[in-house]
Amino acid sequence: MIGQATAAGDGSTFTSIDWALLAVVVGLFLLSIVLSVAETALTRVSHAKAQALADQHGARGRTLLSLVESQEWLNPVLFVVLASQLIQSTLLGVLAGRVLPGLVGVAAITILNVTVFFVFAEAAPKTWAIQHADRAALFFARPIRALADFWPLRIISRGLIGLTNVILPGKGLKRGPYVSEEELLAVADLAMAEEVIDAGERDLISSIIEFGDTIVREVMVPRPDMISVGADFRVADVMEVVILNGYSRVPVTDAGIDDVVGVAYAKDLMRAERDGLGDEPVRSLMRAARFVPETKKVSPLLRELQLERVHLAVVVDEHGGTAGLVTLEDLLEELVGEITDEYDADEPELTWAPDGHALVVGSTPVDEVNQRLGLVLPEDDEYDSVGGFVLHELAHVPTAGESVTYGDHVLVVDRMHHNRIDRLRIEMRDASPDGAGAGAAESPDGSDDHETERAAAPSER
């Protein structure tokens, strides 16, 4: 067969069929170039940029915006690109077999085609499209829309995608997210390294990403730290509590802390006292309380409090008891960091002792301690704070001086407040002044790098 084809076309003649095949090959080659430019440009334009172009360029811009918002055009375009490349390569192989003698000619044409195709239909057009993404996307928006809306092509591409879903169940139905949280943080780190953004902006981006995964229990004021008043308290007495603590709102309880019946507002108290109602029970002017479960995500809660114009919510546990309270300020601090005013006299979460050891408030979140001190303490649903971690490891209420050794660090209970760990001292294991950790007992799970021990109280040293 090859010998007959060579005899019929020995390279000295070029028939009309050969010219027709060559014209089809060139046409498919040009189509591949155009679609490569269009695909690259459209995928490079962000939604925000497309919105700006839609405002500037009318109908063309709106067509571009619709393509960016819906990626359904991509499958038909990729199908046409692949079909063009395969058909072009096949026809060129047939043409080479008709015109050039032997397999050497076919091999030479194939190598030439691959080289030319890579340079002129892939590398060059896609590079140009990246450099001129906006202009190319606007120019090709309408042709690509027409191509994507061509119903035979749309049906074929959807059918092939359906076949893909049968072969790989669920893969083709998955939609977004197109960028993971880790990728966003990596981009932010790169931008900070190149001084496009500063460290504060990078931290804000990180806080926004983490904000969506944070629950109320992690940011609330815990039950032991709550300041509340009884419903039968006099308005003047409640006003005294408000002034002494510097609060604008306090929960009002009836039968106990688990029975919150309302919230007293400082401005209502001042108005009542000015009107001579200082001896009235606060029950008469309290407002309704807002209750939220401790497992609620803070992101929707922030929106709800904004819409309802509520600044304080009482947090309840799974049994209906009061777990704490959360304010609008607590939620905002998760985004922008600590917000302090003239009434805030709280101890800083992290300070440094004269001997160089870190002093950490027991209620400090574990992830914050890990981030600021470079530790790798485990994060678990059983606890949120570093004090909770120590309680979890000791499995009993400690006294000052007891410690937990984890990895290369020793967490020493520095100060207790009733049954709560008020402050911890974090030391390097080898740098512990009394050798804490050197002879630590092995933990129940048998791990060598995770140990719990009882150390002497500071007063005994």
Protein backbone atom coordinates (compact mmCIF):
# COMPACT_ATOMS: atom_id res chain seq x y z
CA MET A 1 0.00 0.00 0.00
CA ILE A 2 2.82 2.38 0.84
CA GLY A 3 4.53 1.53 -2.42
CA GLN A 4 1.33 2.25 -4.38
CA ALA A 5 0.84 5.60 -2.62
CA THR A 6 4.42 6.54 -3.42
CA ALA A 7 3.98 5.58 -7.06
CA ALA A 8 0.84 7.62 -7.30
CA GLY A 9 2.41 10.64 -5.62
CA ASP A 10 6.20 10.65 -5.90
CA GLY A 11 6.59 14.23 -4.71
CA SER A 12 6.81 15.72 -8.21
CA THR A 13 3.08 16.42 -8.48
CA PHE A 14 0.67 18.15 -6.05
CA THR A 15 -2.93 17.28 -6.85
CA SER A 16 -6.06 19.28 -6.03
CA ILE A 17 -6.78 16.85 -3.20
CA ASP A 18 -3.34 17.60 -1.75
CA TRP A 19 -4.02 21.34 -1.94
CA ALA A 20 -7.39 20.87 -0.25
CA LEU A 21 -5.79 18.86 2.55
CA LEU A 22 -3.12 21.52 2.97
CA ALA A 23 -5.76 24.26 3.16
CA VAL A 24 -7.64 22.35 5.87
CA VAL A 25 -4.38 21.80 7.78
CA VAL A 26 -3.53 25.51 7.67
CA GLY A 27 -7.09 26.47 8.68
CA LEU A 28 -7.07 24.14 11.67
CA PHE A 29 -3.61 25.43 12.61
CA LEU A 30 -4.88 29.05 12.61
CA LEU A 31 -7.98 28.02 14.57
CA SER A 32 -5.76 26.44 17.22
CA ILE A 33 -3.79 29.67 17.51
CA VAL A 34 -6.94 31.76 17.94
CA LEU A 35 -8.46 29.44 20.54
CA SER A 36 -5.19 29.23 22.47
CA VAL A 37 -5.09 33.02 22.74
CA ALA A 38 -8.76 33.21 23.73
CA GLU A 39 -8.59 30.44 26.33
CA THR A 40 -5.47 31.86 27.98
CA ALA A 41 -6.77 35.43 28.04
CA LEU A 42 -10.19 34.53 29.44
CA THR A 43 -8.78 32.34 32.19
CA ARG A 44 -6.32 35.07 33.22
CA VAL A 45 -8.96 37.77 33.76
CA SER A 46 -10.20 37.93 37.37
CA HIS A 47 -13.83 38.58 38.29
CA ALA A 48 -12.96 42.01 39.68
CA LYS A 49 -11.13 42.97 36.48
CA ALA A 50 -13.98 41.66 34.34
CA GLN A 51 -16.42 43.78 36.35
CA ALA A 52 -14.28 46.86 35.74
CA LEU A 53 -14.05 46.10 31.99
CA ALA A 54 -17.83 45.60 31.86
CA ASP A 55 -18.31 49.08 33.28
CA GLN A 56 -15.89 50.57 30.74
CA HIS A 57 -16.66 48.70 27.50
CA GLY A 58 -20.42 48.21 27.42
CA ALA A 59 -21.76 45.13 25.61
CA ARG A 60 -18.35 43.55 24.98
CA GLY A 61 -17.42 43.99 28.62
CA ARG A 62 -20.71 42.48 29.80
CA THR A 63 -20.18 39.47 27.54
CA LEU A 64 -16.70 39.05 29.03
CA LEU A 65 -18.12 39.30 32.55
CA SER A 66 -20.68 36.59 31.83
CA LEU A 67 -17.91 34.28 30.55
CA VAL A 68 -15.77 34.89 33.64
CA GLU A 69 -18.71 34.30 35.99
CA SER A 70 -19.66 31.04 34.27
CA GLN A 71 -16.89 28.66 33.20
CA GLU A 72 -19.27 26.57 31.05
CA TRP A 73 -17.61 27.90 27.87
CA LEU A 74 -14.33 26.20 28.75
CA ASN A 75 -15.32 22.62 27.89
CA PRO A 76 -16.55 23.41 24.34
CA VAL A 77 -13.42 25.47 23.66
CA LEU A 78 -11.10 22.74 24.94
CA PHE A 79 -12.99 20.19 22.86
CA VAL A 80 -12.56 22.24 19.69
CA VAL A 81 -8.86 22.86 20.43
CA LEU A 82 -8.20 19.15 20.96
CA ALA A 83 -10.21 18.15 17.88
CA SER A 84 -8.39 20.75 15.74
CA GLN A 85 -4.98 19.52 16.84
CA LEU A 86 -5.78 15.85 16.31
CA ILE A 87 -7.43 16.35 12.91
CA GLN A 88 -4.64 18.68 11.76
CA SER A 89 -1.95 16.20 12.76
CA THR A 90 -3.80 13.30 11.10
CA LEU A 91 -4.37 15.15 7.83
CA LEU A 92 -0.77 16.35 7.74
CA GLY A 93 0.39 12.76 8.18
CA VAL A 94 -1.84 11.66 5.29
CA LEU A 95 -0.54 14.54 3.13
CA ALA A 96 3.07 13.65 3.97
CA GLY A 97 2.44 10.02 3.01
CA ARG A 98 0.96 11.12 -0.36
CA VAL A 99 3.69 13.59 -1.25
CA LEU A 100 6.95 12.42 0.38
CA PRO A 101 8.30 8.93 -0.25
CA GLY A 102 8.82 6.46 2.61
CA LEU A 103 8.58 6.67 6.37
CA VAL A 104 11.49 9.10 6.60
CA GLY A 105 9.44 11.86 5.01
CA VAL A 106 6.49 11.20 7.32
CA ALA A 107 8.79 11.30 10.38
CA ALA A 108 10.40 14.53 9.18
CA ILE A 109 7.00 16.21 8.63
CA THR A 110 5.80 15.01 12.06
CA ILE A 111 8.83 16.45 13.86
CA LEU A 112 8.49 19.71 11.91
CA ASN A 113 4.78 19.90 12.72
CA VAL A 114 5.33 19.34 16.46
CA THR A 115 8.04 22.01 16.55
CA VAL A 116 6.06 24.57 14.56
CA PHE A 117 2.87 23.79 16.46
CA PHE A 118 4.54 24.23 19.86
CA VAL A 119 6.19 27.53 18.92
CA PHE A 120 3.43 29.19 16.86
CA ALA A 121 0.23 27.61 18.25
CA GLU A 122 1.13 27.20 21.93
CA ALA A 123 4.09 29.13 23.34
CA ALA A 124 3.94 32.34 21.29
CA PRO A 125 0.15 32.95 21.32
CA LYS A 126 -0.26 32.06 24.99
CA THR A 127 2.66 34.29 25.99
CA TRP A 128 1.11 37.17 24.04
CA ALA A 129 -2.29 36.48 25.63
CA ILE A 130 -0.77 36.61 29.13
CA GLN A 131 0.89 39.93 28.32
CA HIS A 132 -2.28 41.42 26.81
CA ALA A 133 -4.96 39.52 28.72
CA ASP A 134 -7.51 42.37 28.97
CA ARG A 135 -7.35 43.35 25.31
CA ALA A 136 -7.43 39.75 24.05
CA ALA A 137 -10.26 38.78 26.39
CA LEU A 138 -12.42 41.69 25.23
CA PHE A 139 -11.69 40.94 21.57
CA PHE A 140 -12.51 37.24 21.76
CA ALA A 141 -15.40 37.44 24.25
CA ARG A 142 -18.18 37.49 21.65
CA PRO A 143 -16.70 34.79 19.34
CA ILE A 144 -16.17 32.49 22.31
CA ARG A 145 -19.71 33.16 23.52
CA ALA A 146 -21.04 32.25 20.06
CA LEU A 147 -18.89 29.10 20.01
CA ALA A 148 -20.04 28.06 23.47
CA ASP A 149 -23.72 28.67 22.55
CA PHE A 150 -23.49 26.57 19.35
CA TRP A 151 -25.92 23.84 20.40
CA PRO A 152 -24.38 20.78 18.59
CA LEU A 153 -21.00 21.55 20.13
CA ARG A 154 -22.56 22.16 23.53
CA ILE A 155 -24.41 18.84 23.44
CA ILE A 156 -21.29 16.92 22.38
CA SER A 157 -19.10 18.47 25.08
CA ARG A 158 -21.73 17.89 27.79
CA GLY A 159 -22.13 14.29 26.68
CA LEU A 160 -18.40 13.68 26.92
CA ILE A 161 -18.28 15.32 30.35
CA GLY A 162 -21.16 13.06 31.40
CA LEU A 163 -19.13 10.07 30.22
CA THR A 164 -16.21 11.36 32.30
CA ASN A 165 -18.45 11.55 35.35
CA VAL A 166 -19.45 7.91 34.84
CA ILE A 167 -15.80 6.84 34.64
CA LEU A 168 -14.73 9.11 37.52
CA PRO A 169 -17.88 9.58 39.66
CA GLY A 170 -18.21 12.99 41.23
CA LYS A 171 -15.06 14.48 39.71
CA GLY A 172 -16.78 16.46 37.03
CA LEU A 173 -19.51 17.70 39.37
CA LYS A 174 -17.12 19.29 41.83
CA ARG A 175 -17.24 23.08 41.79
CA GLY A 176 -14.72 25.23 43.62
CA PRO A 177 -13.12 26.45 45.63
CA TYR A 178 -10.68 27.16 42.85
CA VAL A 179 -8.07 28.43 45.31
CA SER A 180 -7.43 26.84 48.69
CA GLU A 181 -6.75 28.69 51.93
CA GLU A 182 -3.14 27.50 51.87
CA GLU A 183 -2.68 28.91 48.36
CA LEU A 184 -4.13 32.27 49.40
CA LEU A 185 -1.76 32.45 52.36
CA ALA A 186 1.16 31.47 50.11
CA VAL A 187 0.26 34.31 47.74
CA ALA A 188 0.05 36.71 50.69
CA ASP A 189 3.47 35.55 51.94
CA LEU A 190 4.93 36.09 48.47
CA ALA A 191 3.36 39.54 48.23
CA MET A 192 4.83 40.46 51.64
CA ALA A 193 8.26 39.17 50.62
CA GLU A 194 8.12 41.33 47.48
CA GLU A 195 6.93 44.30 49.61
CA VAL A 196 3.62 44.56 47.75
CA ILE A 197 1.84 44.36 51.12
CA ASP A 198 3.20 44.87 54.62
CA ALA A 199 3.20 42.43 57.53
CA GLY A 200 0.05 43.96 59.03
CA GLU A 201 -1.91 43.44 55.81
CA ARG A 202 -0.67 39.86 55.59
CA ASP A 203 -1.82 39.23 59.18
CA LEU A 204 -5.22 40.73 58.35
CA ILE A 205 -5.58 38.37 55.37
CA SER A 206 -4.68 35.43 57.61
CA SER A 207 -7.20 36.58 60.25
CA ILE A 208 -9.96 36.85 57.66
CA ILE A 209 -9.28 33.31 56.43
CA GLU A 210 -9.21 31.90 59.97
CA PHE A 211 -12.31 33.91 60.91
CA GLY A 212 -14.53 31.61 58.86
CA ASP A 213 -13.44 28.56 60.88
CA THR A 214 -13.66 30.13 64.35
CA ILE A 215 -16.53 29.26 66.69
CA VAL A 216 -18.02 31.37 69.48
CA ARG A 217 -16.49 29.26 72.26
CA GLU A 218 -13.02 30.32 71.13
CA VAL A 219 -13.67 34.07 71.43
CA MET A 220 -16.26 34.39 74.21
CA VAL A 221 -15.70 35.78 77.69
CA PRO A 222 -15.91 32.58 79.79
CA ARG A 223 -18.51 32.16 82.50
CA PRO A 224 -16.09 32.73 85.46
CA ASP A 225 -15.11 36.14 84.01
CA MET A 226 -18.66 37.34 83.47
CA ILE A 227 -19.98 40.29 85.46
CA SER A 228 -23.73 40.01 85.99
CA VAL A 229 -26.37 41.54 88.27
CA GLY A 230 -29.54 40.17 89.83
CA ALA A 231 -32.89 41.18 88.40
CA ASP A 232 -33.95 42.59 91.78
CA PHE A 233 -30.90 44.85 92.10
CA ARG A 234 -31.67 48.55 92.41
CA VAL A 235 -30.95 50.66 89.35
CA ALA A 236 -28.51 52.76 91.40
CA ASP A 237 -26.60 49.63 92.48
CA VAL A 238 -26.38 48.30 88.95
CA MET A 239 -25.17 51.71 87.82
CA GLU A 240 -22.41 51.42 90.41
CA VAL A 241 -21.39 48.02 89.01
CA VAL A 242 -21.33 49.43 85.48
CA ILE A 243 -19.16 52.38 86.48
CA LEU A 244 -16.70 50.30 88.51
CA ASN A 245 -16.16 47.79 85.69
CA GLY A 246 -16.35 50.21 82.78
CA TYR A 247 -19.04 48.25 80.95
CA SER A 248 -21.84 49.62 78.79
CA ARG A 249 -23.97 46.46 79.13
CA VAL A 250 -24.30 43.75 81.79
CA PRO A 251 -26.37 40.54 81.81
CA VAL A 252 -29.26 40.39 84.28
CA THR A 253 -29.92 37.06 86.03
CA ASP A 254 -32.85 35.77 88.04
CA ALA A 255 -32.30 32.39 89.75
CA GLY A 256 -28.56 32.30 89.02
CA ILE A 257 -25.93 32.68 86.34
CA ASP A 258 -27.65 29.97 84.27
CA ASP A 259 -30.86 31.97 84.26
CA VAL A 260 -30.05 35.10 82.26
CA VAL A 261 -33.30 37.02 81.78
CA GLY A 262 -32.10 40.19 80.09
CA VAL A 263 -29.39 42.79 79.56
CA ALA A 264 -29.08 46.15 81.34
CA TYR A 265 -27.79 49.05 79.24
CA ALA A 266 -25.75 51.81 80.88
CA LYS A 267 -27.59 54.54 79.00
CA ASP A 268 -30.94 53.20 80.26
CA LEU A 269 -29.58 53.14 83.80
CA MET A 270 -28.33 56.71 83.58
CA ARG A 271 -31.63 57.92 82.17
CA ALA A 272 -33.59 56.15 84.91
CA GLU A 273 -31.34 57.48 87.67
CA ARG A 274 -31.62 61.00 86.28
CA ASP A 275 -35.41 60.64 86.34
CA GLY A 276 -35.34 59.67 90.02
CA LEU A 277 -35.87 55.92 89.50
CA GLY A 278 -32.66 54.82 91.21
CA ASP A 279 -34.56 52.64 93.70
CA GLU A 280 -36.47 50.73 91.01
CA PRO A 281 -35.43 47.11 90.32
CA VAL A 282 -33.32 46.75 87.18
CA ARG A 283 -35.84 44.17 85.95
CA SER A 284 -38.15 47.06 85.02
CA LEU A 285 -35.83 48.48 82.36
CA MET A 286 -33.71 45.54 81.16
CA ARG A 287 -33.84 44.59 77.51
CA ALA A 288 -34.23 41.16 75.95
CA ALA A 289 -31.08 39.01 75.82
CA ARG A 290 -29.74 37.41 72.65
CA PHE A 291 -28.67 33.77 73.08
CA VAL A 292 -26.27 31.84 70.81
CA PRO A 293 -24.82 28.31 71.03
CA GLU A 294 -21.14 28.03 71.81
CA THR A 295 -20.52 26.05 68.60
CA LYS A 296 -21.88 28.75 66.29
CA LYS A 297 -19.43 30.12 63.70
CA VAL A 298 -18.44 33.71 64.40
CA SER A 299 -18.72 34.83 60.78
CA PRO A 300 -22.53 34.50 60.50
CA LEU A 301 -22.90 35.72 64.09
CA LEU A 302 -21.11 38.96 63.24
CA ARG A 303 -23.51 39.59 60.36
CA GLU A 304 -26.52 38.77 62.56
CA LEU A 305 -25.43 41.11 65.35
CA GLN A 306 -24.87 43.88 62.82
CA LEU A 307 -28.29 43.42 61.26
CA GLU A 308 -30.06 43.21 64.62
CA ARG A 309 -28.00 46.08 66.09
CA VAL A 310 -27.09 43.94 69.08
CA HIS A 311 -23.70 44.31 70.78
CA LEU A 312 -23.83 41.48 73.31
CA ALA A 313 -25.02 37.88 73.20
CA VAL A 314 -25.16 35.25 75.93
CA VAL A 315 -23.45 31.98 74.99
CA VAL A 316 -25.14 28.75 76.07
CA ASP A 317 -23.75 25.22 76.14
CA GLU A 318 -25.41 22.02 74.95
CA HIS A 319 -27.24 21.67 78.27
CA GLY A 320 -28.74 25.16 78.13
CA GLY A 321 -26.48 26.57 80.83
CA THR A 322 -24.57 29.82 80.48
CA ALA A 323 -21.12 29.20 79.01
CA GLY A 324 -20.10 32.86 78.70
CA LEU A 325 -20.89 35.95 76.70
CA VAL A 326 -19.64 37.37 73.43
CA THR A 327 -19.61 40.97 72.29
CA LEU A 328 -19.30 42.63 68.93
CA GLU A 329 -15.87 43.80 70.06
CA ASP A 330 -14.77 40.21 70.70
CA LEU A 331 -15.69 39.28 67.13
CA LEU A 332 -13.94 42.29 65.60
CA GLU A 333 -10.79 41.54 67.61
CA GLU A 334 -10.53 38.24 65.76
CA LEU A 335 -10.05 40.26 62.58
CA VAL A 336 -8.06 43.33 63.59
CA GLY A 337 -6.39 42.24 66.83
CA GLU A 338 -6.80 43.42 70.39
CA ILE A 339 -8.94 46.54 70.88
CA THR A 340 -8.26 48.35 74.15
CA ASP A 341 -9.75 51.44 75.71
CA GLU A 342 -9.17 53.45 78.88
CA TYR A 343 -11.04 50.87 80.97
CA ASP A 344 -9.04 47.86 79.84
CA ALA A 345 -6.47 46.94 82.46
CA ASP A 346 -6.11 43.28 81.58
CA GLU A 347 -2.74 41.58 81.86
CA PRO A 348 -1.02 41.14 78.46
CA GLU A 349 -1.40 37.62 77.12
CA LEU A 350 2.37 37.26 76.65
CA THR A 351 5.16 38.84 78.68
CA TRP A 352 8.77 37.93 79.35
CA ALA A 353 10.21 37.19 82.77
CA PRO A 354 13.67 38.59 83.75
CA ASP A 355 15.15 35.11 83.28
CA GLY A 356 14.01 35.08 79.65
CA HIS A 357 11.10 32.66 80.05
CA ALA A 358 7.71 33.44 78.53
CA LEU A 359 4.79 34.18 80.85
CA VAL A 360 1.48 33.35 79.16
CA VAL A 361 -2.04 33.99 80.44
CA GLY A 362 -3.81 30.64 80.79
CA SER A 363 -6.76 31.71 78.62
CA THR A 364 -4.54 32.46 75.60
CA PRO A 365 -5.60 30.32 72.60
CA VAL A 366 -3.28 27.43 71.76
CA ASP A 367 -2.87 28.47 68.14
CA GLU A 368 -1.77 31.96 69.20
CA VAL A 369 0.83 30.54 71.60
CA ASN A 370 2.12 28.26 68.83
CA GLN A 371 2.33 31.15 66.40
CA ARG A 372 3.98 33.68 68.73
CA LEU A 373 6.42 31.32 70.46
CA GLY A 374 7.04 28.82 67.68
CA LEU A 375 5.59 25.90 69.66
CA VAL A 376 3.78 22.87 68.26
CA LEU A 377 1.24 22.26 71.01
CA PRO A 378 -1.62 20.09 69.73
CA GLU A 379 -4.95 21.74 68.99
CA ASP A 380 -7.98 19.70 69.99
CA ASP A 381 -11.74 20.06 70.31
CA GLU A 382 -11.43 19.22 74.02
CA TYR A 383 -9.85 22.60 74.82
CA ASP A 384 -9.19 26.01 73.27
CA SER A 385 -6.65 27.68 75.56
CA VAL A 386 -3.13 26.80 76.64
CA GLY A 387 -4.46 26.48 80.19
CA GLY A 388 -7.03 24.01 78.91
CA PHE A 389 -4.24 22.02 77.26
CA VAL A 390 -2.37 21.75 80.57
CA LEU A 391 -5.56 20.70 82.39
CA HIS A 392 -6.22 18.11 79.68
CA GLU A 393 -2.73 16.64 80.07
CA LEU A 394 -2.68 16.64 83.88
CA ALA A 395 -6.27 15.33 84.15
CA HIS A 396 -6.69 17.12 87.49
CA VAL A 397 -6.81 20.66 88.83
CA PRO A 398 -3.15 21.58 89.42
CA THR A 399 -1.41 23.67 92.03
CA ALA A 400 1.21 26.31 91.33
CA GLY A 401 4.46 24.64 90.31
CA GLU A 402 3.08 21.60 88.50
CA SER A 403 4.19 21.30 84.92
CA VAL A 404 3.66 19.57 81.62
CA THR A 405 6.53 18.74 79.29
CA TYR A 406 5.73 18.64 75.61
CA GLY A 407 8.55 18.26 73.12
CA ASP A 408 11.36 20.69 73.97
CA HIS A 409 9.26 22.94 76.22
CA VAL A 410 8.05 22.79 79.81
CA LEU A 411 4.77 24.51 80.69
CA VAL A 412 4.87 25.36 84.39
CA VAL A 413 1.75 26.49 86.25
CA ASP A 414 2.97 29.83 87.56
CA ARG A 415 -0.22 31.13 89.15
CA MET A 416 -3.67 29.75 89.95
CA HIS A 417 -6.93 31.62 90.52
CA HIS A 418 -9.25 29.32 92.44
CA ASN A 419 -9.54 26.28 90.13
CA ARG A 420 -8.36 28.05 87.00
CA ILE A 421 -4.84 28.28 85.61
CA ASP A 422 -4.22 32.01 85.64
CA ARG A 423 -0.70 32.10 84.21
CA LEU A 424 1.88 29.69 82.81
CA ARG A 425 5.63 29.95 82.50
CA ILE A 426 7.00 28.35 79.34
CA GLU A 427 10.62 27.22 79.50
CA MET A 428 12.95 25.38 77.20
CA ARG A 429 13.31 21.83 78.46
CA ASP A 430 17.11 21.92 78.71
CA ALA A 431 17.08 25.45 80.10
CA SER A 432 14.76 24.73 83.02
CA PRO A 433 16.50 26.06 86.17
CA ASP A 434 15.73 22.99 88.25
CA GLY A 435 16.12 20.52 85.43
CA ALA A 436 12.40 20.24 84.85
CA GLY A 437 11.78 17.70 82.18
CA ALA A 438 15.09 15.91 82.60
CA GLY A 439 13.58 13.19 84.71
CA ALA A 440 9.99 13.52 83.60
CA ALA A 441 7.78 10.52 83.81
CA GLU A 442 6.61 8.91 80.61
CA SER A 443 3.07 9.74 79.58
CA PRO A 444 0.37 7.10 79.65
CA ASP A 445 0.52 6.70 75.88
CA GLY A 446 4.19 5.80 76.05
CA SER A 447 5.51 8.62 73.88
CA ASP A 448 8.98 9.93 74.69
CA ASP A 449 8.42 13.52 73.60
CA HIS A 450 5.13 14.06 75.37
CA GLU A 451 5.48 13.86 79.13
CA THR A 452 3.62 15.11 82.19
CA GLU A 453 5.31 15.65 85.54
CA ARG A 454 4.81 17.19 88.96
CA ALA A 455 7.38 19.86 89.83
CA ALA A 456 7.99 21.64 93.10
CA ALA A 457 5.96 24.74 93.79
CA PRO A 458 7.90 28.04 93.54
CA SER A 459 7.60 28.54 97.29
CA GLU A 460 9.31 25.19 97.87
CA ARG A 461 12.32 25.92 95.72
